[in-house]
Amino acid sequence: MALVFKKENGVEFLNDHTVRQRLLAGAAELFARKGYASTTVREIVEAAKVTKPALYYYFRNKEGIYLELMREAQSRFEILLDSARKEIGAVKKRILSFSEQVFQLFLDQIEIARLGISVHYGPAQGAPFFDFDSFHLKFQDLIKQLIREGIRKGEFRNGNIMDMTWAVLGVINVAIEVQLWHPEKSIGRKGLVRILNLVFEGISSSTRHTPSGV
């Protein structure tokens, strides 16, 4: 790729894709480790080994680089959602495949996940608004749709769709939280699939259920 120089406010600097990526990577690590509020533009550009004009050119300010980190994570998640909606075949396999992909995306973007959780659930850090709830709501809606489809196709027994949805989401959320806060106890992708299969045993249409009170 050819190296191109841009001039911004009289300052000439390298316009290279790797510069942008270094800025994003440096900001993600600093935000996750120090918090959004405590991280300065100077620290970001030093971590990326570029000058402040480069950050201002690509992202305008610290708020811009934060929002870009969140948007990139959202975009990757949306791609997984679209793929899962279009996939055909047994519902159980589709849920397992999607869950593994989400877990892998989390592993790939663990610093962004840690940042998002700290901003969304932690003390106010002055970060610009980002709709974190949309991640959960879209995730929930997809699993609910798949559970409903599984019941319609006879893969899952008739039952409370939301209870089944929460059971699946609960396993995925626990796997992610353990990986995030206690990585030494991580169940990994294999563990995630193993526990989800236990849930599927419980909601399978072929499962025999003992009458209540027996």
Protein backbone atom coordinates (compact mmCIF):
# COMPACT_ATOMS: atom_id res chain seq x y z
CA MET A 1 0.00 0.00 0.00
CA ALA A 2 1.33 3.39 -0.94
CA LEU A 3 2.13 5.76 1.89
CA VAL A 4 0.31 9.06 1.55
CA PHE A 5 0.94 12.20 3.53
CA LYS A 6 -1.91 14.49 4.55
CA LYS A 7 -1.70 18.04 5.78
CA GLU A 8 -4.05 19.11 8.56
CA ASN A 9 -3.82 22.59 10.10
CA GLY A 10 -0.44 23.03 8.49
CA VAL A 11 0.95 19.80 9.95
CA GLU A 12 1.98 16.98 7.63
CA PHE A 13 1.68 13.37 8.83
CA LEU A 14 1.40 9.85 7.49
CA ASN A 15 -2.05 8.77 6.32
CA ASP A 16 -1.72 5.01 6.75
CA HIS A 17 -4.28 2.39 7.79
CA THR A 18 -1.83 1.03 10.34
CA VAL A 19 -1.71 4.43 12.09
CA ARG A 20 -5.46 4.35 12.59
CA GLN A 21 -5.33 0.78 13.89
CA ARG A 22 -2.49 1.59 16.28
CA LEU A 23 -4.51 4.47 17.69
CA LEU A 24 -7.54 2.24 18.21
CA ALA A 25 -5.48 -0.53 19.81
CA GLY A 26 -3.64 1.88 22.09
CA ALA A 27 -6.84 3.61 23.17
CA ALA A 28 -8.64 0.31 23.81
CA GLU A 29 -5.86 -0.95 26.10
CA LEU A 30 -5.63 2.34 28.00
CA PHE A 31 -9.38 2.80 28.36
CA ALA A 32 -9.78 -0.76 29.65
CA ARG A 33 -6.87 -0.50 32.09
CA LYS A 34 -7.19 3.07 33.34
CA GLY A 35 -10.78 3.97 32.53
CA TYR A 36 -12.06 6.41 29.95
CA ALA A 37 -11.92 9.50 32.16
CA SER A 38 -8.35 8.91 33.34
CA THR A 39 -6.90 8.32 29.87
CA THR A 40 -5.48 11.34 28.08
CA VAL A 41 -4.94 12.06 24.40
CA ARG A 42 -1.22 12.33 25.10
CA GLU A 43 -1.15 8.79 26.50
CA ILE A 44 -3.07 7.43 23.51
CA VAL A 45 -0.75 8.94 20.91
CA GLU A 46 2.31 7.86 22.88
CA ALA A 47 1.00 4.28 23.02
CA ALA A 48 0.36 4.39 19.26
CA LYS A 49 3.71 6.09 18.60
CA VAL A 50 2.10 8.86 16.54
CA THR A 51 1.51 12.58 17.02
CA LYS A 52 -1.64 14.33 18.26
CA PRO A 53 -2.51 15.68 14.78
CA ALA A 54 -2.83 12.09 13.57
CA LEU A 55 -5.45 11.33 16.24
CA TYR A 56 -7.27 14.58 15.49
CA TYR A 57 -7.28 13.77 11.77
CA TYR A 58 -8.74 10.28 12.15
CA PHE A 59 -11.00 10.74 15.17
CA ARG A 60 -11.15 14.48 15.99
CA ASN A 61 -10.85 13.88 19.75
CA LYS A 62 -10.88 11.29 22.54
CA GLU A 63 -14.65 10.99 22.33
CA GLY A 64 -14.39 10.13 18.65
CA ILE A 65 -11.90 7.32 19.15
CA TYR A 66 -14.03 5.87 21.97
CA LEU A 67 -17.16 5.88 19.80
CA GLU A 68 -15.28 4.29 16.91
CA LEU A 69 -14.16 1.46 19.18
CA MET A 70 -17.77 0.86 20.22
CA ARG A 71 -19.07 1.09 16.64
CA GLU A 72 -16.52 -1.39 15.34
CA ALA A 73 -17.50 -3.90 18.03
CA GLN A 74 -21.17 -3.31 17.25
CA SER A 75 -20.55 -3.80 13.52
CA ARG A 76 -18.85 -7.16 14.09
CA PHE A 77 -21.72 -8.24 16.34
CA GLU A 78 -24.28 -7.19 13.73
CA ILE A 79 -22.50 -9.35 11.14
CA LEU A 80 -22.88 -12.37 13.43
CA LEU A 81 -26.56 -11.57 13.96
CA ASP A 82 -27.25 -11.29 10.23
CA SER A 83 -25.43 -14.55 9.55
CA ALA A 84 -27.38 -16.36 12.28
CA ARG A 85 -30.70 -15.08 10.93
CA LYS A 86 -29.90 -16.35 7.43
CA GLU A 87 -28.56 -19.73 8.51
CA ILE A 88 -30.75 -22.77 7.92
CA GLY A 89 -30.85 -26.20 9.52
CA ALA A 90 -31.45 -27.58 12.99
CA VAL A 91 -32.15 -24.82 15.49
CA LYS A 92 -30.02 -26.38 18.22
CA LYS A 93 -26.95 -26.41 15.96
CA ARG A 94 -27.63 -22.82 14.90
CA ILE A 95 -27.83 -21.63 18.51
CA LEU A 96 -24.63 -23.49 19.38
CA SER A 97 -22.81 -22.07 16.35
CA PHE A 98 -23.96 -18.53 17.08
CA SER A 99 -23.06 -18.82 20.78
CA GLU A 100 -19.55 -20.03 19.94
CA GLN A 101 -19.08 -17.18 17.49
CA VAL A 102 -20.26 -14.61 20.04
CA PHE A 103 -17.89 -16.05 22.63
CA GLN A 104 -15.01 -15.92 20.15
CA LEU A 105 -15.87 -12.32 19.26
CA PHE A 106 -15.80 -11.52 22.97
CA LEU A 107 -12.34 -13.10 23.26
CA ASP A 108 -11.13 -11.12 20.25
CA GLN A 109 -12.56 -7.89 21.66
CA ILE A 110 -12.08 -8.49 25.37
CA GLU A 111 -10.58 -5.05 26.03
CA ILE A 112 -13.55 -3.39 24.33
CA ALA A 113 -15.93 -5.57 26.33
CA ARG A 114 -14.21 -4.63 29.57
CA LEU A 115 -14.38 -0.96 28.61
CA GLY A 116 -18.05 -1.14 27.69
CA ILE A 117 -18.98 -2.87 30.93
CA SER A 118 -17.04 -0.38 33.05
CA VAL A 119 -18.68 2.59 31.31
CA HIS A 120 -22.19 1.12 31.26
CA TYR A 121 -22.30 -0.33 34.77
CA GLY A 122 -19.56 1.50 36.62
CA PRO A 123 -19.27 5.04 37.98
CA ALA A 124 -19.83 7.85 35.47
CA GLN A 125 -16.68 8.51 33.45
CA GLY A 126 -17.92 11.28 31.18
CA ALA A 127 -17.85 9.05 28.10
CA PRO A 128 -20.22 10.02 25.25
CA PHE A 129 -23.50 8.12 25.08
CA PHE A 130 -23.54 4.76 23.35
CA ASP A 131 -26.56 2.48 23.24
CA PHE A 132 -25.16 -0.61 25.01
CA ASP A 133 -28.65 -1.95 25.64
CA SER A 134 -29.07 -2.56 21.91
CA PHE A 135 -26.45 -5.34 22.10
CA HIS A 136 -28.42 -7.25 24.72
CA LEU A 137 -31.84 -6.61 23.20
CA LYS A 138 -30.80 -7.81 19.73
CA PHE A 139 -29.08 -10.84 21.25
CA GLN A 140 -32.17 -11.65 23.29
CA ASP A 141 -34.51 -11.20 20.32
CA LEU A 142 -32.49 -13.56 18.12
CA ILE A 143 -32.33 -16.33 20.72
CA LYS A 144 -36.05 -15.91 21.39
CA GLN A 145 -36.82 -16.20 17.67
CA LEU A 146 -34.70 -19.34 17.39
CA ILE A 147 -36.34 -20.92 20.45
CA ARG A 148 -39.76 -20.16 18.99
CA GLU A 149 -38.68 -21.72 15.69
CA GLY A 150 -37.36 -24.77 17.51
CA ILE A 151 -40.73 -25.26 19.21
CA ARG A 152 -42.56 -24.83 15.92
CA LYS A 153 -40.33 -27.43 14.24
CA GLY A 154 -40.71 -29.88 17.09
CA GLU A 155 -37.07 -29.73 18.24
CA PHE A 156 -38.03 -28.18 21.57
CA ARG A 157 -41.02 -28.95 23.72
CA ASN A 158 -43.83 -26.47 24.27
CA GLY A 159 -43.03 -24.19 27.16
CA ASN A 160 -42.35 -20.65 28.25
CA ILE A 161 -40.26 -19.17 25.44
CA MET A 162 -38.74 -16.46 27.63
CA ASP A 163 -37.70 -18.97 30.30
CA MET A 164 -35.92 -21.00 27.64
CA THR A 165 -34.36 -17.85 26.20
CA TRP A 166 -33.06 -16.76 29.61
CA ALA A 167 -31.62 -20.23 30.21
CA VAL A 168 -29.56 -20.02 26.99
CA LEU A 169 -28.53 -16.41 27.56
CA GLY A 170 -27.62 -17.17 31.16
CA VAL A 171 -25.09 -19.81 30.12
CA ILE A 172 -23.49 -17.50 27.56
CA ASN A 173 -23.36 -14.57 30.00
CA VAL A 174 -21.77 -16.69 32.74
CA ALA A 175 -19.15 -18.01 30.30
CA ILE A 176 -18.30 -14.44 29.30
CA GLU A 177 -18.23 -13.08 32.85
CA VAL A 178 -16.01 -15.89 34.13
CA GLN A 179 -13.63 -15.32 31.22
CA LEU A 180 -13.58 -11.61 31.93
CA TRP A 181 -13.14 -11.59 35.70
CA HIS A 182 -11.71 -15.06 36.49
CA PRO A 183 -9.92 -16.24 33.33
CA GLU A 184 -8.12 -18.95 35.30
CA LYS A 185 -11.54 -20.62 35.75
CA SER A 186 -12.71 -20.11 32.16
CA ILE A 187 -14.92 -22.86 30.74
CA GLY A 188 -13.89 -21.91 27.20
CA ARG A 189 -15.84 -22.65 24.04
CA LYS A 190 -15.97 -26.38 24.73
CA GLY A 191 -17.41 -25.77 28.18
CA LEU A 192 -19.92 -23.32 26.76
CA VAL A 193 -21.16 -25.93 24.28
CA ARG A 194 -21.23 -28.64 26.95
CA ILE A 195 -23.42 -26.60 29.32
CA LEU A 196 -25.70 -25.39 26.53
CA ASN A 197 -26.27 -29.02 25.59
CA LEU A 198 -27.50 -29.60 29.15
CA VAL A 199 -30.02 -26.81 28.63
CA PHE A 200 -31.10 -28.36 25.33
CA GLU A 201 -31.60 -31.71 27.06
CA GLY A 202 -34.04 -29.95 29.37
CA ILE A 203 -36.07 -28.27 26.64
CA SER A 204 -35.86 -31.01 24.02
CA SER A 205 -39.19 -32.30 22.73
CA SER A 206 -38.01 -35.86 23.40
CA THR A 207 -37.21 -35.25 27.08
CA ARG A 208 -39.39 -37.13 29.53
CA HIS A 209 -40.55 -34.94 32.39
CA THR A 210 -41.44 -36.19 35.83
CA PRO A 211 -44.83 -34.87 36.97
CA SER A 212 -44.61 -32.18 39.62
CA GLY A 213 -44.93 -33.44 43.16
CA VAL A 214 -43.59 -36.90 42.30
